[in-house]
């Protein structure tokens, strides 16, 4: 008896949507600290909502032709922020880092499709989406040093670590699922021996999904396990419904192929999903459809 074979085919987009706005509401990833004692580490305060181990996914939209983002999948949805410590910036907020700390975030690693690139676009004005690519790093990066400034103050002694900058763009140039590793650091010199006040945070990871793809597929006996990201693609305003995701399967390709729904429809919720689906026959082919 021949072994079962399963194949994931390129995703099928049921309806092509074009827009001039970033499709998702902005999500704020907050830097802070559990203690302001010198040497205590920074923390990703709301990691439970947005980190990869919470299965959250940032959806990236394909850039329109002749726009600055042509050839890229991109988002301005991701906003790194630093909690305010004083009333001048809307604080004090619980878990704000120490006065005098100056927070930046380091992109240390990127995992994604072979040959892919991740780009960062720095805004020239808070609240205005950047149109200028600032730097890029390759997928496969493991010891990255590129930094993004989070604090909006100057890091002098007693300065509020607050930061909340909109308009930065994050982009990739190939469809697929990406995992980026970030770390918050304090770059001030107000701590012991002229070093930082707060120690670096633990490394944390974020998912980025570009386009519609099946991230992984595996088989056990007569079942297939398929994992995919399901960005909601909801606009900042309006009443558009979330994107629906449907796995389809067929036992053959070519003239005899017969795509049929496999498993339940998944309503986009900006999270990863895994479906366990039955297989029959020698071959089973799968694709992911959206509508």
Foldseek 3Di string as FASTA:
>chain_A
DFAAAEAEDEAAEPDDDDDDDFLDAADEFEWFFQDQFFAAAIERVVCCVFFVVVQFEAEFCADDPPALRHLKGKHLRYKYWAAWCDVVVPDDDRRGYDFLWWKKKWFQAKAKPPPKKKWKFDDPDFPAAGSDTDDIDGHVGHGGGDIGGAAPDDSHGRHINTGTGTRMMMIMRDFAKMKIKMKMATQHLPGPPRGGRHHIYDITIGIYGYDWGWHDWDDDDFKIKTKTAFAQSHHPDDDDGGKKKWKWKFQDDDPPTDTDTWDDIDGRDRGMDMDITGHDDRYMYMHMYID
